[in-house]
Amino acid sequence: MDGLFSGLMTLLIFILGASVGSFLNVVIYRIPAGLSLLHPPSRCPHCLHRLQPHDNVPVLGWLWLKGRCRYCRTAIAPRYPMVEATTGILFVLVFWSFAQASGLALTTGSLLQTVSSWAFVSWLLALALIDLDTLTLPNSLTQSGLVVGLVFQALLGWATGADWVGVAHSLMTGILGAVVGIWVFDLITILGSVAFGQTAMGGGDAKLAAMMGAWLGWKLLLLAGFLACAIGAFAGGGAIAVGLLNRRQPMPFGPFLALGAIVSAFLGEKILSIYVQLFFPTL
């Protein structure tokens, strides 16, 4: 019975995540284009024919249509179902990480942490792909993500402390993380621009870091930034070595920040614990 329940919960959470991923595809396409997220309804970007509900079934809709528009037969990019599937998988990982920590005991705190993490990874995924497509990180997403992160910090503080002291402590954690994020990455931008003689990082990266700090707090933010720089340096060096990029060509840093933030959200406390044990064993 436990196995059946676990399987059913995993499937339901995946469907929820994939449905959110379907909406993220709309966000990723429309926000950079300056279009409304609500109007017009979903349609083929080529023939502009309105899609029917059965065409919009996450992942399966693309498979049923064999990767082509039902009406004009134009190929539909496989990234659409990939975003839906990725979001579904992330939702499942988030749910089961908190479910295992709480022993499947549904508390207000664990529920809020789960929903908060779902919202966080959704914002990160949308921003990462927009940056990959356009080399921009829209203010509308980074700013709204920062505000929502602070709201969740306050709610989590109330759920865990059940008083205004808990709310104030959690809110200050988020505010401090946001301030550290924008200051550190602004400093990196200035120093990098002086050192390399060109813009080292876009202004949107610092705003994304501030958003990440609001959700993660300053410790996990710094870990996420370190991971992002390490992964970005490795990926950028590899791309230059094989001729995919030249040294002067800009490379989106948002996807690396998002990846660092997701790793830190899932494994950050364990990584920091191992680091302290290795380098500061007497603490």
Protein backbone atom coordinates (compact mmCIF):
# COMPACT_ATOMS: atom_id res chain seq x y z
CA MET A 1 0.00 0.00 0.00
CA ASP A 2 2.87 2.36 0.81
CA GLY A 3 4.43 1.68 -2.59
CA LEU A 4 1.12 2.34 -4.36
CA PHE A 5 0.61 5.56 -2.40
CA SER A 6 4.15 6.73 -3.14
CA GLY A 7 3.76 5.99 -6.83
CA LEU A 8 0.42 7.80 -7.01
CA MET A 9 1.79 10.84 -5.18
CA THR A 10 4.83 10.93 -7.48
CA LEU A 11 2.60 10.82 -10.55
CA LEU A 12 0.28 13.55 -9.27
CA ILE A 13 3.17 15.80 -8.31
CA PHE A 14 4.81 15.23 -11.71
CA ILE A 15 1.56 16.17 -13.48
CA LEU A 16 1.31 19.32 -11.37
CA GLY A 17 4.91 20.25 -12.15
CA ALA A 18 4.53 19.52 -15.86
CA SER A 19 1.42 21.73 -15.95
CA VAL A 20 3.40 24.55 -14.32
CA GLY A 21 6.14 23.88 -16.89
CA SER A 22 3.57 24.36 -19.65
CA PHE A 23 2.83 27.81 -18.23
CA LEU A 24 6.56 28.51 -17.92
CA ASN A 25 6.86 27.95 -21.67
CA VAL A 26 4.37 30.79 -22.11
CA VAL A 27 6.35 33.00 -19.71
CA ILE A 28 9.65 32.22 -21.45
CA TYR A 29 8.23 33.09 -24.88
CA ARG A 30 5.96 36.04 -24.10
CA ILE A 31 7.73 38.15 -21.47
CA PRO A 32 10.82 38.93 -23.63
CA ALA A 33 8.46 39.69 -26.52
CA GLY A 34 6.44 42.10 -24.36
CA LEU A 35 3.25 40.07 -24.76
CA SER A 36 0.49 39.44 -22.24
CA LEU A 37 0.63 36.14 -20.38
CA LEU A 38 -3.17 35.83 -20.46
CA HIS A 39 -4.25 37.05 -23.88
CA PRO A 40 -4.44 35.73 -26.51
CA PRO A 41 -4.90 32.08 -25.43
CA SER A 42 -2.25 29.52 -26.42
CA ARG A 43 -1.77 29.40 -30.18
CA CYS A 44 0.70 28.23 -32.78
CA PRO A 45 3.37 30.95 -33.18
CA HIS A 46 3.48 30.26 -36.94
CA CYS A 47 -0.12 29.94 -38.16
CA LEU A 48 -1.60 31.65 -35.06
CA HIS A 49 -4.36 29.02 -34.83
CA ARG A 50 -5.70 28.70 -31.29
CA LEU A 51 -4.67 25.42 -29.69
CA GLN A 52 -7.32 23.10 -28.30
CA PRO A 53 -7.17 21.81 -24.70
CA HIS A 54 -6.04 18.34 -25.83
CA ASP A 55 -3.17 19.95 -27.76
CA ASN A 56 -1.92 21.52 -24.54
CA VAL A 57 -1.62 18.37 -22.44
CA PRO A 58 1.91 18.62 -20.94
CA VAL A 59 4.50 16.35 -22.60
CA LEU A 60 1.86 14.00 -24.05
CA GLY A 61 0.36 16.69 -26.30
CA TRP A 62 3.68 17.08 -28.12
CA LEU A 63 4.02 13.31 -28.47
CA TRP A 64 0.46 12.90 -29.79
CA LEU A 65 1.10 15.60 -32.39
CA LYS A 66 4.46 13.99 -33.27
CA GLY A 67 6.20 17.30 -32.69
CA ARG A 68 4.19 19.24 -35.28
CA CYS A 69 1.34 21.75 -35.23
CA ARG A 70 -1.97 20.02 -35.90
CA TYR A 71 -3.05 22.80 -38.27
CA CYS A 72 -0.01 23.98 -40.25
CA ARG A 73 2.32 20.99 -39.61
CA THR A 74 5.17 23.28 -38.62
CA ALA A 75 7.67 21.56 -36.35
CA ILE A 76 7.27 22.31 -32.63
CA ALA A 77 10.57 22.65 -30.79
CA PRO A 78 11.25 19.68 -28.49
CA ARG A 79 12.26 22.15 -25.79
CA TYR A 80 8.58 22.65 -24.91
CA PRO A 81 8.03 19.11 -23.58
CA MET A 82 11.56 19.13 -22.13
CA VAL A 83 10.72 22.18 -20.01
CA GLU A 84 7.48 20.53 -18.89
CA ALA A 85 9.20 17.27 -18.01
CA THR A 86 12.07 19.05 -16.23
CA THR A 87 9.66 21.09 -14.13
CA GLY A 88 7.73 17.93 -13.27
CA ILE A 89 10.92 16.15 -12.18
CA LEU A 90 12.02 19.13 -10.07
CA PHE A 91 8.62 19.25 -8.37
CA VAL A 92 8.90 15.55 -7.53
CA LEU A 93 12.43 15.98 -6.14
CA VAL A 94 11.32 18.93 -4.01
CA PHE A 95 8.28 17.08 -2.67
CA TRP A 96 10.12 13.92 -1.74
CA SER A 97 13.06 15.76 -0.19
CA PHE A 98 10.71 17.47 2.26
CA ALA A 99 8.49 14.40 2.59
CA GLN A 100 11.44 12.27 3.67
CA ALA A 101 12.65 14.95 6.07
CA SER A 102 9.24 15.16 7.74
CA GLY A 103 8.41 11.45 7.53
CA LEU A 104 5.41 12.28 5.33
CA ALA A 105 3.90 14.21 8.25
CA LEU A 106 1.96 17.03 6.58
CA THR A 107 2.69 20.10 8.69
CA THR A 108 2.15 23.74 7.86
CA GLY A 109 5.92 24.27 7.83
CA SER A 110 6.71 21.36 5.50
CA LEU A 111 3.85 22.31 3.17
CA LEU A 112 5.03 25.91 3.00
CA GLN A 113 8.62 24.81 2.38
CA THR A 114 7.47 22.56 -0.45
CA VAL A 115 5.33 25.22 -2.13
CA SER A 116 8.08 27.81 -1.61
CA SER A 117 10.66 25.57 -3.27
CA TRP A 118 8.30 24.81 -6.15
CA ALA A 119 7.88 28.54 -6.76
CA PHE A 120 11.64 29.13 -6.47
CA VAL A 121 12.66 26.48 -9.02
CA SER A 122 9.92 27.71 -11.38
CA TRP A 123 11.25 31.27 -11.29
CA LEU A 124 14.81 30.03 -11.75
CA LEU A 125 13.92 27.82 -14.72
CA ALA A 126 12.06 30.62 -16.50
CA LEU A 127 14.86 33.12 -15.94
CA ALA A 128 17.58 30.69 -16.97
CA LEU A 129 15.94 29.91 -20.30
CA ILE A 130 15.07 33.53 -21.04
CA ASP A 131 18.71 34.46 -20.42
CA LEU A 132 19.82 31.59 -22.65
CA ASP A 133 17.55 32.85 -25.44
CA THR A 134 17.94 36.61 -25.16
CA LEU A 135 20.94 37.35 -22.88
CA THR A 136 18.54 39.30 -20.65
CA LEU A 137 16.99 38.74 -17.23
CA PRO A 138 13.68 40.68 -17.18
CA ASN A 139 13.20 42.97 -14.19
CA SER A 140 9.57 41.89 -13.97
CA LEU A 141 10.68 38.36 -13.07
CA THR A 142 13.69 39.11 -10.86
CA GLN A 143 11.82 41.76 -8.88
CA SER A 144 8.63 39.76 -8.47
CA GLY A 145 10.71 36.72 -7.52
CA LEU A 146 12.49 38.72 -4.83
CA VAL A 147 9.18 39.95 -3.36
CA VAL A 148 7.64 36.48 -3.40
CA GLY A 149 10.78 35.07 -1.79
CA LEU A 150 10.51 37.56 1.08
CA VAL A 151 6.82 36.78 1.49
CA PHE A 152 7.59 33.08 1.79
CA GLN A 153 10.37 33.85 4.28
CA ALA A 154 7.87 35.69 6.46
CA LEU A 155 5.31 32.87 6.18
CA LEU A 156 7.93 30.25 7.03
CA GLY A 157 9.03 32.32 10.00
CA TRP A 158 5.46 32.38 11.28
CA ALA A 159 4.95 28.66 10.66
CA THR A 160 8.11 27.68 12.53
CA GLY A 161 8.06 30.30 15.29
CA ALA A 162 4.34 31.05 15.51
CA ASP A 163 5.10 34.64 16.55
CA TRP A 164 6.35 37.93 15.16
CA VAL A 165 9.88 37.23 16.35
CA GLY A 166 10.07 34.25 13.97
CA VAL A 167 8.64 36.35 11.16
CA ALA A 168 11.15 39.16 11.74
CA HIS A 169 14.09 36.73 11.91
CA SER A 170 13.15 34.93 8.68
CA LEU A 171 12.39 38.20 6.90
CA MET A 172 15.75 39.66 7.91
CA THR A 173 17.45 36.48 6.64
CA GLY A 174 15.87 37.06 3.24
CA ILE A 175 16.60 40.79 3.18
CA LEU A 176 20.24 40.25 4.19
CA GLY A 177 20.58 37.56 1.51
CA ALA A 178 19.17 39.92 -1.12
CA VAL A 179 21.48 42.77 -0.09
CA VAL A 180 24.55 40.51 -0.06
CA GLY A 181 23.57 39.14 -3.46
CA ILE A 182 23.30 42.46 -5.23
CA TRP A 183 26.39 43.95 -3.51
CA VAL A 184 28.65 40.97 -4.18
CA PHE A 185 27.67 40.61 -7.82
CA ASP A 186 27.81 44.35 -8.47
CA LEU A 187 31.35 44.27 -7.05
CA ILE A 188 32.25 41.30 -9.26
CA THR A 189 30.87 43.18 -12.27
CA ILE A 190 32.94 46.29 -11.52
CA LEU A 191 36.18 44.42 -10.81
CA GLY A 192 35.71 42.08 -13.77
CA SER A 193 35.04 44.96 -16.16
CA VAL A 194 38.22 46.72 -15.01
CA ALA A 195 40.30 43.53 -15.24
CA PHE A 196 39.08 42.39 -18.67
CA GLY A 197 38.39 45.76 -20.27
CA GLN A 198 34.79 44.85 -21.13
CA THR A 199 31.51 44.24 -19.35
CA ALA A 200 32.09 41.15 -17.24
CA MET A 201 28.51 40.54 -16.17
CA GLY A 202 25.11 41.97 -17.00
CA GLY A 203 23.13 44.06 -14.52
CA GLY A 204 20.42 41.44 -14.48
CA ASP A 205 22.77 38.88 -12.92
CA ALA A 206 23.10 40.97 -9.73
CA LYS A 207 19.31 41.30 -9.56
CA LEU A 208 18.95 37.54 -10.01
CA ALA A 209 21.49 37.04 -7.21
CA ALA A 210 19.44 39.36 -4.99
CA MET A 211 16.35 37.29 -5.76
CA MET A 212 18.23 34.11 -4.93
CA GLY A 213 19.41 35.61 -1.65
CA ALA A 214 15.84 36.41 -0.66
CA TRP A 215 14.98 32.71 -0.93
CA LEU A 216 18.22 31.09 0.21
CA GLY A 217 19.75 33.47 2.75
CA TRP A 218 23.28 34.81 2.50
CA LYS A 219 25.18 31.59 3.29
CA LEU A 220 23.52 29.44 0.64
CA LEU A 221 23.58 32.39 -1.77
CA LEU A 222 27.39 32.58 -1.53
CA LEU A 223 27.59 28.83 -2.08
CA ALA A 224 25.29 29.13 -5.10
CA GLY A 225 27.43 31.95 -6.49
CA PHE A 226 30.62 29.93 -6.03
CA LEU A 227 29.07 26.89 -7.75
CA ALA A 228 27.78 29.09 -10.58
CA CYS A 229 31.22 30.64 -11.15
CA ALA A 230 32.94 27.25 -11.06
CA ILE A 231 30.47 25.59 -13.44
CA GLY A 232 30.40 28.66 -15.70
CA ALA A 233 34.20 28.85 -15.90
CA PHE A 234 34.41 25.16 -16.75
CA ALA A 235 31.63 25.35 -19.36
CA GLY A 236 32.93 28.61 -20.86
CA GLY A 237 36.51 27.33 -21.03
CA GLY A 238 35.31 24.15 -22.69
CA ALA A 239 33.19 26.08 -25.21
CA ILE A 240 36.17 28.29 -26.10
CA ALA A 241 38.48 25.28 -26.39
CA VAL A 242 36.21 23.54 -28.91
CA GLY A 243 35.48 26.74 -30.84
CA LEU A 244 31.85 27.26 -29.84
CA LEU A 245 32.67 30.65 -28.29
CA ASN A 246 35.41 33.22 -28.65
CA ARG A 247 36.92 35.08 -25.72
CA ARG A 248 35.01 38.29 -26.47
CA GLN A 249 31.65 36.65 -27.05
CA PRO A 250 29.10 37.15 -24.24
CA MET A 251 27.82 34.06 -22.48
CA PRO A 252 24.61 33.96 -20.40
CA PHE A 253 25.42 33.56 -16.72
CA GLY A 254 21.81 33.23 -15.55
CA PRO A 255 21.59 29.48 -16.27
CA PHE A 256 24.68 28.85 -14.12
CA LEU A 257 23.29 30.96 -11.29
CA ALA A 258 20.02 29.04 -11.49
CA LEU A 259 21.85 25.71 -11.44
CA GLY A 260 23.96 26.80 -8.48
CA ALA A 261 20.84 27.95 -6.64
CA ILE A 262 19.02 24.65 -7.22
CA VAL A 263 22.01 22.61 -6.06
CA SER A 264 22.34 24.83 -2.99
CA ALA A 265 18.64 24.56 -2.20
CA PHE A 266 18.77 20.75 -2.28
CA LEU A 267 22.29 20.01 -1.01
CA GLY A 268 23.60 23.30 0.35
CA GLU A 269 23.45 22.46 4.04
CA LYS A 270 25.23 19.15 3.47
CA ILE A 271 27.93 20.80 1.34
CA LEU A 272 28.53 23.50 3.96
CA SER A 273 28.65 20.87 6.72
CA ILE A 274 31.28 18.87 4.83
CA TYR A 275 33.27 22.05 4.16
CA VAL A 276 33.31 22.98 7.85
CA GLN A 277 34.31 19.44 8.88
CA LEU A 278 37.19 19.41 6.39
CA PHE A 279 38.65 22.87 6.97
CA PHE A 280 37.42 23.82 10.46
CA PRO A 281 37.13 20.51 12.34
CA THR A 282 37.48 22.17 15.76
CA LEU A 283 34.35 24.32 15.31
